[in-house]
Amino acid sequence: MSGKCCDKCPAGEYMEQPCSDTHQTSCKPCPSGFFSDQPSFFDRCEECRSCKQEYSRVCTPTTDAECSCGSGFLCSDDMCSTCEKGNSFGSEKLQPTVNTAVGVAAKNLTENSKKASQCQNHEYFDKKKLFCIPITQCSAHNLIEIFAGNKTHNAICQSQEIQNIYIVVFTGFAMLLVAILVVLSYHLMKKIKKIKDSKATMVTTDENLPLPMEETSFPENNVEHFG
């Protein structure tokens, strides 16, 4: 990018086209059923959580959905796959989800962060598959790396063909603009020359006009008669 500072897409949007030397990052709103909760360079939004029981919060373009089991019941996981009253699953005690949506979201975020920290340097934690996955190596697929990836997100790659298309389109537009400027300059110079030639012709015509009669005739009263 030649040191160009690229803008991230805001929360609720995803990157449609990465920035280049000629334009800034192009973003589009997340489609229905997807969300993006923070500014990023990601080329897609995350799919909203699907609850099997009830929703304590519906999905929005900037927030994921949250699940619940209803008053007095407990969830078995963050999707509330099953609901029980006052029971526990495994070694972890279930937490009430009614009126504690923020606490559940924070708990899930903390758990995901812990799992992501266990991934190797070349891996990222996939929140859907719930395990570490190798980060895509763009160069191995003859692609250009837009985002290198981290412990929580995969790399973002772009094909050389798309990059070449951007270059060709920009070059063609620049050449067209130059051609238009050249044509306009030519017609402007031609018009200016025509105006100058017209003024020069008028001056020449004025100089060649005959003198008035009073300047060319001799007054008869001044002739002397002899004899």
Protein backbone atom coordinates (compact mmCIF):
# COMPACT_ATOMS: atom_id res chain seq x y z
CA MET A 1 0.00 0.00 0.00
CA SER A 2 3.08 2.27 -0.17
CA GLY A 3 2.64 3.32 3.48
CA LYS A 4 -0.95 4.47 2.91
CA CYS A 5 -3.05 4.51 6.09
CA CYS A 6 -6.22 2.49 5.39
CA ASP A 7 -9.52 3.05 7.20
CA LYS A 8 -11.14 0.12 8.98
CA CYS A 9 -14.78 -0.68 8.28
CA PRO A 10 -16.95 0.40 11.23
CA ALA A 11 -18.96 -2.01 13.39
CA GLY A 12 -21.99 -3.28 11.48
CA GLU A 13 -20.12 -3.31 8.15
CA TYR A 14 -17.60 -5.48 6.32
CA MET A 15 -14.85 -4.73 3.80
CA GLU A 16 -16.06 -5.00 0.21
CA GLN A 17 -12.78 -3.79 -1.32
CA PRO A 18 -9.46 -3.14 0.41
CA CYS A 19 -7.85 0.26 0.09
CA SER A 20 -5.12 0.90 -2.47
CA ASP A 21 -2.92 3.79 -3.58
CA THR A 22 -5.92 5.31 -5.38
CA HIS A 23 -8.89 4.78 -3.06
CA GLN A 24 -9.82 4.18 0.58
CA THR A 25 -11.36 1.02 2.02
CA SER A 26 -14.82 0.29 0.59
CA CYS A 27 -17.33 -1.05 3.14
CA LYS A 28 -20.87 -2.45 2.99
CA PRO A 29 -23.46 -3.08 5.75
CA CYS A 30 -23.74 -6.60 7.16
CA PRO A 31 -26.58 -8.55 5.52
CA SER A 32 -29.53 -9.79 7.56
CA GLY A 33 -28.51 -12.57 9.96
CA PHE A 34 -24.91 -11.38 10.25
CA PHE A 35 -23.11 -8.89 12.50
CA SER A 36 -19.79 -7.13 13.08
CA ASP A 37 -19.22 -5.86 16.61
CA GLN A 38 -16.01 -3.90 16.09
CA PRO A 39 -14.12 -1.93 13.40
CA SER A 40 -12.09 -4.29 11.21
CA PHE A 41 -10.64 -5.17 7.80
CA PHE A 42 -12.64 -8.43 7.62
CA ASP A 43 -14.21 -9.23 4.28
CA ARG A 44 -17.31 -10.79 5.81
CA CYS A 45 -19.58 -10.38 8.83
CA GLU A 46 -20.04 -13.09 11.43
CA GLU A 47 -23.18 -15.19 11.37
CA CYS A 48 -25.63 -14.46 14.18
CA ARG A 49 -26.12 -17.04 16.93
CA SER A 50 -29.21 -19.22 16.49
CA CYS A 51 -31.05 -19.96 19.74
CA LYS A 52 -32.92 -23.23 20.19
CA GLN A 53 -35.14 -21.98 23.01
CA GLU A 54 -35.71 -18.24 23.48
CA TYR A 55 -33.86 -15.03 22.63
CA SER A 56 -32.89 -12.66 25.42
CA ARG A 57 -31.55 -10.32 22.73
CA VAL A 58 -32.04 -10.44 18.99
CA CYS A 59 -29.13 -10.07 16.59
CA THR A 60 -28.39 -6.60 15.20
CA PRO A 61 -25.77 -5.49 12.65
CA THR A 62 -23.42 -4.63 15.54
CA THR A 63 -24.32 -7.23 18.23
CA ASP A 64 -24.81 -10.98 18.28
CA ALA A 65 -27.99 -12.60 19.54
CA GLU A 66 -28.19 -13.96 23.08
CA CYS A 67 -30.17 -16.99 24.18
CA SER A 68 -32.23 -17.76 27.27
CA CYS A 69 -34.48 -20.43 28.69
CA GLY A 70 -37.07 -18.24 30.33
CA SER A 71 -37.68 -17.29 33.94
CA GLY A 72 -36.36 -19.76 36.52
CA PHE A 73 -34.55 -22.03 34.04
CA LEU A 74 -30.86 -22.51 33.35
CA CYS A 75 -28.97 -22.90 30.06
CA SER A 76 -26.56 -25.72 29.35
CA ASP A 77 -24.39 -23.55 27.06
CA ASP A 78 -24.33 -20.17 25.33
CA MET A 79 -26.88 -21.41 22.77
CA CYS A 80 -29.19 -22.81 25.47
CA SER A 81 -29.26 -26.18 23.77
CA THR A 82 -31.19 -27.55 26.73
CA CYS A 83 -32.92 -25.92 29.69
CA GLU A 84 -33.20 -27.36 33.20
CA LYS A 85 -34.52 -25.99 36.47
CA GLY A 86 -31.86 -25.86 39.18
CA ASN A 87 -29.62 -28.58 37.64
CA SER A 88 -25.97 -28.51 36.65
CA PHE A 89 -24.19 -30.06 33.72
CA GLY A 90 -20.79 -31.64 34.21
CA SER A 91 -18.46 -29.95 36.65
CA GLU A 92 -19.70 -26.44 35.87
CA LYS A 93 -22.81 -25.06 37.50
CA LEU A 94 -25.28 -23.56 35.04
CA GLN A 95 -25.86 -19.84 35.21
CA PRO A 96 -29.29 -18.17 34.96
CA THR A 97 -29.64 -16.26 31.68
CA VAL A 98 -32.64 -14.06 32.51
CA ASN A 99 -31.52 -10.53 33.36
CA THR A 100 -27.85 -11.63 33.14
CA ALA A 101 -27.28 -11.32 29.38
CA VAL A 102 -24.32 -8.99 29.82
CA GLY A 103 -22.69 -11.40 32.27
CA VAL A 104 -23.16 -14.34 29.90
CA ALA A 105 -21.70 -12.38 26.98
CA ALA A 106 -18.69 -11.37 29.09
CA LYS A 107 -18.23 -14.99 30.22
CA ASN A 108 -18.33 -16.26 26.63
CA LEU A 109 -15.86 -13.60 25.53
CA THR A 110 -13.48 -14.54 28.35
CA GLU A 111 -13.71 -18.25 27.52
CA ASN A 112 -13.08 -17.61 23.82
CA SER A 113 -10.11 -15.41 24.67
CA LYS A 114 -8.64 -18.16 26.86
CA LYS A 115 -9.09 -20.73 24.11
CA ALA A 116 -7.62 -18.38 21.49
CA SER A 117 -4.54 -17.80 23.68
CA GLN A 118 -3.83 -21.54 23.52
CA CYS A 119 -3.54 -21.46 19.72
CA GLN A 120 -0.08 -21.55 18.14
CA ASN A 121 1.42 -18.51 16.40
CA HIS A 122 0.26 -19.76 13.01
CA GLU A 123 -3.28 -20.64 14.20
CA TYR A 124 -6.50 -18.83 15.08
CA PHE A 125 -9.49 -19.86 17.19
CA ASP A 126 -12.62 -20.55 15.12
CA LYS A 127 -15.64 -19.54 17.24
CA LYS A 128 -18.00 -21.74 15.21
CA LYS A 129 -15.90 -24.89 15.19
CA LEU A 130 -14.55 -24.13 18.70
CA PHE A 131 -10.96 -25.22 18.00
CA CYS A 132 -7.73 -23.77 16.59
CA ILE A 133 -7.28 -23.71 12.82
CA PRO A 134 -4.10 -22.88 10.84
CA ILE A 135 -4.08 -19.32 9.50
CA THR A 136 -4.34 -19.24 5.71
CA GLN A 137 -0.99 -18.55 4.05
CA CYS A 138 -1.93 -16.24 1.17
CA SER A 139 1.42 -16.62 -0.60
CA ALA A 140 0.99 -20.41 -0.72
CA HIS A 141 -2.13 -19.87 -2.84
CA ASN A 142 -0.55 -17.14 -5.02
CA LEU A 143 -2.72 -14.53 -3.30
CA ILE A 144 -1.96 -11.08 -1.93
CA GLU A 145 -2.18 -10.72 1.84
CA ILE A 146 -4.55 -7.93 2.95
CA PHE A 147 -4.71 -8.93 6.63
CA ALA A 148 -2.12 -11.21 8.24
CA GLY A 149 -4.55 -12.81 10.70
CA ASN A 150 -4.24 -13.17 14.48
CA LYS A 151 -5.27 -15.49 17.31
CA THR A 152 -8.99 -14.77 16.76
CA HIS A 153 -9.33 -14.21 12.99
CA ASN A 154 -8.06 -15.84 9.83
CA ALA A 155 -5.95 -14.01 7.25
CA ILE A 156 -7.66 -12.09 4.46
CA CYS A 157 -6.31 -12.72 0.97
CA GLN A 158 -6.95 -11.21 -2.44
CA SER A 159 -6.15 -12.59 -5.86
CA GLN A 160 -3.55 -10.89 -8.06
CA GLU A 161 -6.14 -10.78 -10.86
CA ILE A 162 -8.43 -8.54 -8.80
CA GLN A 163 -5.49 -6.30 -7.91
CA ASN A 164 -4.58 -6.10 -11.62
CA ILE A 165 -8.18 -5.20 -12.47
CA TYR A 166 -8.01 -2.27 -10.04
CA ILE A 167 -4.76 -1.11 -11.64
CA VAL A 168 -6.12 -1.44 -15.21
CA VAL A 169 -9.34 0.40 -14.34
CA PHE A 170 -7.47 3.23 -12.63
CA THR A 171 -4.91 3.48 -15.45
CA GLY A 172 -7.67 3.56 -18.08
CA PHE A 173 -9.55 6.24 -16.17
CA ALA A 174 -6.38 8.33 -15.80
CA MET A 175 -5.60 8.03 -19.53
CA LEU A 176 -9.16 9.00 -20.44
CA LEU A 177 -8.95 12.04 -18.17
CA VAL A 178 -5.63 13.09 -19.75
CA ALA A 179 -7.09 12.67 -23.25
CA ILE A 180 -10.08 14.86 -22.35
CA LEU A 181 -7.78 17.56 -20.95
CA VAL A 182 -5.63 17.47 -24.09
CA VAL A 183 -8.68 17.84 -26.39
CA LEU A 184 -10.09 20.69 -24.30
CA SER A 185 -6.70 22.45 -24.25
CA TYR A 186 -6.37 22.09 -28.03
CA HIS A 187 -9.79 23.62 -28.70
CA LEU A 188 -9.15 26.40 -26.19
CA MET A 189 -5.80 27.31 -27.78
CA LYS A 190 -7.41 27.19 -31.22
CA LYS A 191 -10.15 29.58 -30.09
CA ILE A 192 -7.63 31.97 -28.51
CA LYS A 193 -5.56 31.97 -31.75
CA LYS A 194 -8.67 32.68 -33.80
CA ILE A 195 -9.53 35.67 -31.59
CA LYS A 196 -5.97 37.03 -31.90
CA ASP A 197 -5.98 36.61 -35.71
CA SER A 198 -9.33 38.40 -35.90
CA LYS A 199 -7.97 41.38 -33.93
CA ALA A 200 -4.83 41.53 -36.10
CA THR A 201 -6.96 41.59 -39.27
CA MET A 202 -9.03 44.49 -37.94
CA VAL A 203 -5.87 46.53 -37.18
CA THR A 204 -4.44 45.93 -40.68
CA THR A 205 -7.71 46.95 -42.32
CA ASP A 206 -7.79 50.23 -40.38
CA GLU A 207 -4.26 51.12 -41.51
CA ASN A 208 -5.10 50.60 -45.24
CA LEU A 209 -8.20 52.79 -45.29
CA PRO A 210 -7.90 55.95 -47.66
CA LEU A 211 -7.43 59.34 -46.03
CA PRO A 212 -10.46 61.64 -45.77
CA MET A 213 -11.16 64.05 -48.68
CA GLU A 214 -10.27 67.16 -46.70
CA GLU A 215 -6.79 65.80 -46.14
CA THR A 216 -6.11 64.94 -49.83
CA SER A 217 -7.64 67.94 -51.79
CA PHE A 218 -6.04 71.35 -52.27
CA PRO A 219 -8.09 74.41 -51.32
CA GLU A 220 -8.94 76.52 -54.43
CA ASN A 221 -8.81 79.81 -52.55
CA ASN A 222 -5.08 79.45 -52.05
CA VAL A 223 -4.28 79.35 -55.85
CA GLU A 224 -2.64 82.58 -57.11
CA HIS A 225 -3.55 83.93 -60.54
CA PHE A 226 -0.88 85.61 -62.58
CA GLY A 227 -1.21 87.91 -65.54
